[in-house]
Amino acid sequence: MFIGHSVSDGAGNLLTMDVDTRDFLQRSARDIAGLNYADLTHPDDVVGNVRRVVALHVGATPATIRKRYVLPGGSSVLADVRVSRLYDGPDGERLIGTIYSVDPAQRVSEAAMLRSAAQNAIASLDRRSATFGKSMFGDPSWRILLELYLAESEGRLLYRDELADRITETSGFVWRWLVSFENSGLIEQMIDARFAIQLTARAFVDIERQLIERVEALATVQPG
């Protein structure tokens, strides 16, 4: 359900918010004065939210961010925020947020569907490798990305050696792929092998888009 809009400066400091959005967040105009959008975001969602907004460039396709807003009493509400970054001449950049409420049950259902799609894709890759040979048909790049997606969507940390075990490859083999992914902007900077591996916001969204397309394609197949 559509709620309303918010406008922030390029750094995310709130400039205005329509009354329906303030009512949704249970805040008055005075309450939001001087706040950054991150101040209203659930602490567990701040890092991912900020990462997505910082990566958004003027003229780029708007980013849709699912997040929780914190209410004054400490509870939270779930929303989809479609964020655009605009250039406003001498006033600099502006962030325009279009806000939609989300039924928590819907999010649980969607998350479960996407995790299931990722698990099914991994199983399909394993069956293909077993049938035709892993060396030519293993598709390690996609398998690694799927494993990273599952870990992140389940709130797990995944390290290089564990990832190597999961795809039954050597740590060196996995590290070469990770370096390539880092250079391509698919994972965050690793520094060294001791760091947990995390997808970039763009990669996470792109993987979900691929999984959604897979689910939709399977749904169109009619039993014959």
Protein backbone atom coordinates (compact mmCIF):
# COMPACT_ATOMS: atom_id res chain seq x y z
CA MET A 1 0.00 0.00 0.00
CA PHE A 2 1.35 3.42 -0.99
CA ILE A 3 2.05 5.69 1.98
CA GLY A 4 3.83 8.83 0.81
CA HIS A 5 7.13 10.58 0.16
CA SER A 6 10.17 11.93 1.92
CA VAL A 7 12.82 14.35 0.68
CA SER A 8 16.38 14.46 2.01
CA ASP A 9 19.57 16.22 1.01
CA GLY A 10 22.30 14.23 -0.70
CA ALA A 11 23.65 13.00 2.64
CA GLY A 12 20.26 11.74 3.78
CA ASN A 13 19.32 14.57 6.16
CA LEU A 14 15.54 14.87 6.09
CA LEU A 15 14.17 18.08 4.59
CA THR A 16 10.47 17.26 4.46
CA MET A 17 8.03 14.38 4.69
CA ASP A 18 4.36 14.39 3.81
CA VAL A 19 1.79 14.00 6.55
CA ASP A 20 0.78 10.43 5.62
CA THR A 21 4.39 9.30 5.96
CA ARG A 22 4.77 11.07 9.30
CA ASP A 23 1.57 9.40 10.52
CA PHE A 24 2.90 6.02 9.35
CA LEU A 25 6.06 6.64 11.39
CA GLN A 26 4.11 8.18 14.28
CA ARG A 27 6.19 11.35 14.14
CA SER A 28 5.37 15.04 13.93
CA ALA A 29 7.12 17.54 11.67
CA ARG A 30 9.02 18.74 14.75
CA ASP A 31 10.11 15.15 15.55
CA ILE A 32 11.88 14.67 12.21
CA ALA A 33 13.57 18.08 12.12
CA GLY A 34 17.35 17.64 11.99
CA LEU A 35 17.19 13.85 11.61
CA ASN A 36 18.86 11.66 8.99
CA TYR A 37 16.90 8.82 7.42
CA ALA A 38 19.29 6.44 9.20
CA ASP A 39 18.06 7.79 12.56
CA LEU A 40 14.60 6.42 11.79
CA THR A 41 15.89 3.08 10.49
CA HIS A 42 16.02 -0.08 12.58
CA PRO A 43 19.62 -0.57 13.83
CA ASP A 44 19.90 -3.98 12.13
CA ASP A 45 18.95 -2.45 8.78
CA VAL A 46 21.08 0.70 8.86
CA VAL A 47 24.26 -0.71 7.30
CA GLY A 48 22.50 -2.27 4.33
CA ASN A 49 20.23 0.76 3.86
CA VAL A 50 23.10 3.26 3.90
CA ARG A 51 25.19 1.07 1.59
CA ARG A 52 22.41 1.01 -1.00
CA VAL A 53 21.81 4.77 -0.82
CA VAL A 54 25.50 5.70 -1.01
CA ALA A 55 25.87 3.51 -4.10
CA LEU A 56 22.97 5.30 -5.83
CA HIS A 57 24.09 7.83 -8.43
CA VAL A 58 22.27 10.75 -10.01
CA GLY A 59 20.31 9.49 -13.02
CA ALA A 60 20.59 5.84 -12.00
CA THR A 61 17.61 3.51 -11.81
CA PRO A 62 15.87 4.04 -8.46
CA ALA A 63 16.78 1.56 -5.73
CA THR A 64 14.03 -0.34 -3.92
CA ILE A 65 15.05 -0.95 -0.31
CA ARG A 66 13.10 -3.09 2.12
CA LYS A 67 13.68 -1.85 5.65
CA ARG A 68 12.20 -1.42 9.09
CA TYR A 69 11.44 2.01 10.53
CA VAL A 70 11.65 2.41 14.28
CA LEU A 71 8.56 3.87 15.95
CA PRO A 72 8.75 6.11 19.05
CA GLY A 73 7.77 3.27 21.40
CA GLY A 74 10.56 1.00 20.13
CA SER A 75 8.48 -1.22 17.85
CA SER A 76 9.02 -1.15 14.10
CA VAL A 77 7.12 -1.13 10.81
CA LEU A 78 8.21 -2.75 7.56
CA ALA A 79 8.29 -0.73 4.34
CA ASP A 80 9.57 -0.73 0.79
CA VAL A 81 11.28 2.54 -0.06
CA ARG A 82 11.96 3.42 -3.69
CA VAL A 83 14.84 5.89 -3.57
CA SER A 84 15.98 8.20 -6.38
CA ARG A 85 18.99 10.52 -6.30
CA LEU A 86 18.43 13.78 -8.19
CA TYR A 87 20.54 16.82 -8.95
CA ASP A 88 18.85 20.00 -7.73
CA GLY A 89 21.16 22.66 -9.17
CA PRO A 90 22.76 25.01 -6.64
CA ASP A 91 21.09 23.16 -3.77
CA GLY A 92 23.07 20.02 -4.62
CA GLU A 93 21.62 16.52 -4.64
CA ARG A 94 18.30 15.34 -3.27
CA LEU A 95 17.12 11.88 -2.21
CA ILE A 96 13.46 11.26 -2.98
CA GLY A 97 11.87 8.34 -1.15
CA THR A 98 8.53 6.82 -2.20
CA ILE A 99 7.31 4.69 0.68
CA TYR A 100 5.03 1.63 0.66
CA SER A 101 3.99 -0.37 3.70
CA VAL A 102 4.66 -4.13 3.66
CA ASP A 103 2.74 -6.85 5.45
CA PRO A 104 5.39 -8.69 7.57
CA ALA A 105 3.81 -12.02 6.64
CA GLN A 106 4.33 -11.17 2.96
CA ARG A 107 8.04 -10.53 3.52
CA VAL A 108 8.47 -13.84 5.36
CA SER A 109 6.75 -15.62 2.47
CA GLU A 110 8.87 -13.86 -0.18
CA ALA A 111 12.14 -14.49 1.67
CA ALA A 112 11.30 -18.17 2.07
CA MET A 113 10.41 -18.40 -1.63
CA LEU A 114 13.73 -16.86 -2.70
CA ARG A 115 15.77 -19.04 -0.35
CA SER A 116 13.96 -22.09 -1.72
CA ALA A 117 14.68 -20.94 -5.28
CA ALA A 118 18.39 -20.55 -4.44
CA GLN A 119 18.50 -24.00 -2.84
CA ASN A 120 16.77 -25.52 -5.86
CA ALA A 121 19.20 -23.78 -8.22
CA ILE A 122 22.15 -25.22 -6.27
CA ALA A 123 20.61 -28.69 -6.39
CA SER A 124 20.10 -28.31 -10.15
CA LEU A 125 23.76 -27.33 -10.61
CA ASP A 126 24.87 -30.35 -8.58
CA ARG A 127 22.71 -32.71 -10.64
CA ARG A 128 24.07 -31.29 -13.89
CA SER A 129 27.65 -31.60 -12.66
CA ALA A 130 27.06 -35.19 -11.61
CA THR A 131 25.56 -36.05 -14.99
CA PHE A 132 27.88 -34.23 -17.38
CA GLY A 133 31.04 -33.66 -15.35
CA LYS A 134 31.98 -30.92 -12.93
CA SER A 135 34.98 -29.65 -14.87
CA MET A 136 32.86 -28.43 -17.80
CA PHE A 137 29.36 -28.03 -16.35
CA GLY A 138 29.90 -27.10 -12.70
CA ASP A 139 29.35 -23.31 -13.14
CA PRO A 140 31.38 -22.44 -10.01
CA SER A 141 30.82 -18.69 -10.31
CA TRP A 142 27.04 -18.96 -10.05
CA ARG A 143 27.31 -21.62 -7.34
CA ILE A 144 29.51 -19.36 -5.22
CA LEU A 145 27.14 -16.42 -5.63
CA LEU A 146 24.17 -18.57 -4.66
CA GLU A 147 25.96 -19.80 -1.53
CA LEU A 148 26.78 -16.20 -0.58
CA TYR A 149 23.19 -15.16 -1.20
CA LEU A 150 21.84 -17.95 1.00
CA ALA A 151 24.25 -17.08 3.81
CA GLU A 152 23.35 -13.40 3.72
CA SER A 153 19.60 -14.01 3.47
CA GLU A 154 19.81 -16.36 6.47
CA GLY A 155 21.98 -13.98 8.49
CA ARG A 156 25.05 -16.24 8.45
CA LEU A 157 28.67 -15.22 7.98
CA LEU A 158 30.54 -17.16 5.32
CA TYR A 159 34.32 -17.38 5.07
CA ARG A 160 36.53 -18.58 2.25
CA ASP A 161 37.40 -22.00 3.67
CA GLU A 162 33.80 -22.82 4.57
CA LEU A 163 32.71 -21.74 1.11
CA ALA A 164 35.34 -24.01 -0.43
CA ASP A 165 33.99 -26.93 1.60
CA ARG A 166 30.44 -26.21 0.52
CA ILE A 167 31.29 -26.30 -3.19
CA THR A 168 33.96 -29.04 -2.77
CA GLU A 169 36.79 -26.98 -4.24
CA THR A 170 40.15 -25.82 -2.89
CA SER A 171 40.49 -22.58 -0.98
CA GLY A 172 42.83 -21.28 -3.68
CA PHE A 173 40.25 -21.96 -6.38
CA VAL A 174 37.59 -20.09 -4.41
CA TRP A 175 39.94 -17.21 -3.63
CA ARG A 176 40.61 -16.63 -7.34
CA TRP A 177 36.89 -16.33 -7.99
CA LEU A 178 36.44 -14.02 -5.01
CA VAL A 179 39.14 -11.67 -6.24
CA SER A 180 37.41 -11.57 -9.62
CA PHE A 181 34.06 -10.87 -7.94
CA GLU A 182 35.61 -8.10 -5.86
CA ASN A 183 37.10 -6.49 -8.96
CA SER A 184 33.69 -6.70 -10.66
CA GLY A 185 31.85 -5.09 -7.75
CA LEU A 186 29.92 -8.23 -6.79
CA ILE A 187 31.34 -8.60 -3.28
CA GLU A 188 32.57 -6.11 -0.71
CA GLN A 189 36.32 -5.56 -0.27
CA MET A 190 37.79 -8.59 1.48
CA ILE A 191 41.21 -7.26 2.60
CA ASP A 192 42.33 -10.84 3.32
CA ALA A 193 41.02 -14.38 3.77
CA ARG A 194 40.12 -13.81 7.43
CA PHE A 195 37.25 -11.54 6.46
CA ALA A 196 33.70 -12.81 6.02
CA ILE A 197 32.51 -12.49 2.44
CA GLN A 198 29.56 -10.23 1.73
CA LEU A 199 27.73 -9.47 -1.48
CA THR A 200 27.43 -5.86 -2.54
CA ALA A 201 23.93 -4.43 -2.47
CA ARG A 202 23.81 -4.44 -6.26
CA ALA A 203 24.81 -8.10 -6.47
CA PHE A 204 22.26 -9.11 -3.82
CA VAL A 205 19.45 -7.39 -5.74
CA ASP A 206 20.62 -8.80 -9.08
CA ILE A 207 20.71 -12.34 -7.68
CA GLU A 208 17.21 -11.94 -6.27
CA ARG A 209 16.05 -10.72 -9.67
CA GLN A 210 17.49 -13.84 -11.29
CA LEU A 211 15.81 -16.05 -8.71
CA ILE A 212 12.46 -14.32 -9.20
CA GLU A 213 12.75 -14.85 -12.96
CA ARG A 214 13.48 -18.53 -12.31
CA VAL A 215 10.42 -18.87 -10.09
CA GLU A 216 8.21 -17.09 -12.63
CA ALA A 217 9.54 -19.23 -15.48
CA LEU A 218 8.83 -22.44 -13.57
CA ALA A 219 5.36 -21.20 -12.73
CA THR A 220 4.50 -20.79 -16.42
CA VAL A 221 5.33 -24.41 -17.21
CA GLN A 222 2.07 -26.28 -17.62
CA PRO A 223 1.87 -29.99 -16.78
CA GLY A 224 1.64 -31.97 -20.03
